[in-house]
Amino acid sequence: MKLIEEMMNKKAELEIAPLIDVVFLLLIYFMVTASLIKKEADLSFMLPAKVDVPESLDLPIEVLIEVSELGDIVIEGMVFGKDETNLDDLIGQLLSLKEAADSSGSELIVNILPADKAVHGRIIKVMDACAAADVKNMSFSMTM
């Protein structure tokens, strides 16, 4: 009973020193983390001056040469059958397209599109025709 009376008479005391330590630790934590956030800055850049746009753009002439599974070669609606061995007509067609490209000041781009089961010999013949017509830009495409 005596213990209870002593506790009732005794005032509750709050220790301030540990609370101050916690407050200082929180203050240090927030100061350190706040300095890690980068501030926004202005990006300096120069806008381009007036750009001279040419009156006409020299677009390249693109030609698609298809090689079928049967060995037929199709260029712009012209079909060269598999029975032709030297493909002189294909070379003539490519030469006329090359001359048209040269006269307009653009370049000739040949895109070869072989079928999945096309004979490789026919593809080589098309490549030989392009070489004979002095075609510098040649690429291959695949069907989807």
Protein backbone atom coordinates (compact mmCIF):
# COMPACT_ATOMS: atom_id res chain seq x y z
CA MET A 1 0.00 0.00 0.00
CA LYS A 2 2.80 2.27 0.81
CA LEU A 3 4.20 1.73 -2.63
CA ILE A 4 0.96 2.79 -4.21
CA GLU A 5 0.83 5.96 -2.18
CA GLU A 6 4.37 6.86 -3.13
CA MET A 7 3.58 6.35 -6.78
CA MET A 8 0.49 8.55 -6.51
CA ASN A 9 2.41 11.34 -4.87
CA LYS A 10 5.27 11.15 -7.28
CA LYS A 11 4.88 13.31 -10.41
CA ALA A 12 5.48 11.77 -13.79
CA GLU A 13 8.74 12.99 -15.22
CA LEU A 14 9.65 12.95 -18.86
CA GLU A 15 13.26 12.55 -19.84
CA ILE A 16 14.12 15.30 -22.33
CA ALA A 17 17.71 14.33 -23.23
CA PRO A 18 16.83 11.22 -25.33
CA LEU A 19 14.08 13.15 -27.11
CA ILE A 20 16.51 15.90 -28.04
CA ASP A 21 18.95 13.28 -29.40
CA VAL A 22 16.22 11.78 -31.57
CA VAL A 23 15.22 15.21 -32.87
CA PHE A 24 18.84 16.03 -33.79
CA LEU A 25 19.26 12.66 -35.56
CA LEU A 26 16.10 13.28 -37.59
CA LEU A 27 17.27 16.80 -38.42
CA ILE A 28 20.65 15.49 -39.66
CA TYR A 29 18.94 12.73 -41.71
CA PHE A 30 16.60 15.16 -43.48
CA MET A 31 19.41 17.64 -44.14
CA VAL A 32 21.57 14.98 -45.77
CA THR A 33 18.80 13.49 -47.91
CA ALA A 34 17.52 16.90 -48.99
CA SER A 35 20.93 17.81 -50.40
CA LEU A 36 20.89 14.72 -52.64
CA ILE A 37 17.90 15.93 -54.63
CA LYS A 38 19.13 17.78 -57.70
CA LYS A 39 17.54 21.05 -58.54
CA GLU A 40 16.12 21.71 -61.97
CA ALA A 41 18.37 23.71 -64.19
CA ASP A 42 17.99 25.45 -67.49
CA LEU A 43 19.38 23.54 -70.42
CA SER A 44 21.33 25.77 -72.70
CA PHE A 45 21.04 25.02 -76.39
CA MET A 46 21.22 26.90 -79.62
CA LEU A 47 18.35 26.93 -82.06
CA PRO A 48 19.44 26.34 -85.63
CA ALA A 49 19.63 29.27 -87.93
CA LYS A 50 17.67 29.44 -91.13
CA VAL A 51 18.20 26.23 -93.04
CA ASP A 52 18.39 26.39 -96.80
CA VAL A 53 16.09 23.74 -98.21
CA PRO A 54 16.92 22.70 -101.75
CA GLU A 55 14.20 23.32 -104.27
CA SER A 56 14.06 19.70 -105.35
CA LEU A 57 15.15 16.67 -103.46
CA ASP A 58 17.02 14.06 -105.44
CA LEU A 59 15.17 10.93 -104.48
CA PRO A 60 16.76 7.67 -105.55
CA ILE A 61 15.13 5.44 -108.13
CA GLU A 62 14.27 2.15 -106.48
CA VAL A 63 13.70 -1.00 -108.50
CA LEU A 64 12.32 -4.28 -107.15
CA ILE A 65 13.43 -7.47 -108.87
CA GLU A 66 11.48 -10.56 -107.84
CA VAL A 67 12.81 -14.08 -108.33
CA SER A 68 10.05 -16.73 -108.15
CA GLU A 69 10.32 -20.36 -107.13
CA LEU A 70 9.91 -21.38 -110.78
CA GLY A 71 12.92 -19.26 -111.79
CA ASP A 72 10.97 -16.36 -113.33
CA ILE A 73 12.47 -12.91 -112.87
CA VAL A 74 10.02 -10.00 -112.67
CA ILE A 75 11.14 -6.38 -112.90
CA GLU A 76 8.51 -3.63 -113.21
CA GLY A 77 5.96 -5.93 -114.82
CA MET A 78 8.43 -7.45 -117.28
CA VAL A 79 8.80 -11.20 -116.85
CA PHE A 80 12.01 -12.94 -117.83
CA GLY A 81 11.36 -16.69 -117.99
CA LYS A 82 13.62 -19.37 -116.67
CA ASP A 83 14.54 -20.54 -120.16
CA GLU A 84 16.57 -17.37 -120.83
CA THR A 85 20.16 -18.03 -119.90
CA ASN A 86 22.01 -14.79 -120.58
CA LEU A 87 19.31 -12.27 -119.55
CA ASP A 88 20.42 -9.60 -122.03
CA ASP A 89 16.98 -7.99 -121.86
CA LEU A 90 17.28 -7.65 -118.06
CA ILE A 91 20.68 -6.00 -118.46
CA GLY A 92 19.19 -3.63 -121.05
CA GLN A 93 16.32 -2.74 -118.71
CA LEU A 94 18.73 -2.09 -115.85
CA LEU A 95 20.96 0.02 -118.11
CA SER A 96 18.01 2.19 -119.16
CA LEU A 97 17.01 2.66 -115.50
CA LYS A 98 20.62 3.54 -114.61
CA GLU A 99 20.74 6.12 -117.41
CA ALA A 100 17.45 7.63 -116.22
CA ALA A 101 18.81 7.86 -112.68
CA ASP A 102 22.08 9.40 -113.85
CA SER A 103 20.29 11.97 -116.01
CA SER A 104 18.11 13.05 -113.08
CA GLY A 105 21.10 13.28 -110.76
CA SER A 106 19.91 10.54 -108.43
CA GLU A 107 21.08 7.04 -107.73
CA LEU A 108 19.66 3.66 -108.71
CA ILE A 109 18.87 1.25 -105.89
CA VAL A 110 18.06 -2.36 -106.81
CA ASN A 111 16.24 -4.49 -104.27
CA ILE A 112 16.23 -8.23 -105.00
CA LEU A 113 13.27 -10.15 -103.55
CA PRO A 114 13.80 -13.91 -103.95
CA ALA A 115 11.08 -16.40 -103.08
CA ASP A 116 11.75 -18.77 -100.20
CA LYS A 117 12.54 -21.71 -102.48
CA ALA A 118 14.09 -19.78 -105.36
CA VAL A 119 17.01 -21.37 -107.16
CA HIS A 120 20.23 -19.69 -106.10
CA GLY A 121 21.58 -19.84 -109.63
CA ARG A 122 18.84 -17.47 -110.81
CA ILE A 123 19.66 -15.05 -107.99
CA ILE A 124 23.31 -15.12 -109.07
CA LYS A 125 22.20 -14.38 -112.67
CA VAL A 126 20.29 -11.32 -111.41
CA MET A 127 23.34 -10.18 -109.47
CA ASP A 128 25.50 -10.66 -112.59
CA ALA A 129 23.02 -8.56 -114.60
CA CYS A 130 23.23 -5.81 -111.96
CA ALA A 131 27.03 -5.92 -112.14
CA ALA A 132 26.91 -5.72 -115.94
CA ALA A 133 24.64 -2.67 -115.70
CA ASP A 134 27.10 -1.07 -113.22
CA VAL A 135 24.56 -0.92 -110.36
CA LYS A 136 26.36 0.13 -107.18
CA ASN A 137 23.52 -0.11 -104.64
CA MET A 138 21.94 -3.53 -104.34
CA SER A 139 20.11 -5.12 -101.43
CA PHE A 140 18.10 -8.22 -100.63
CA SER A 141 14.65 -8.45 -99.06
CA MET A 142 12.67 -11.33 -97.67
CA THR A 143 8.99 -12.07 -97.97
CA MET A 144 6.97 -12.26 -94.79
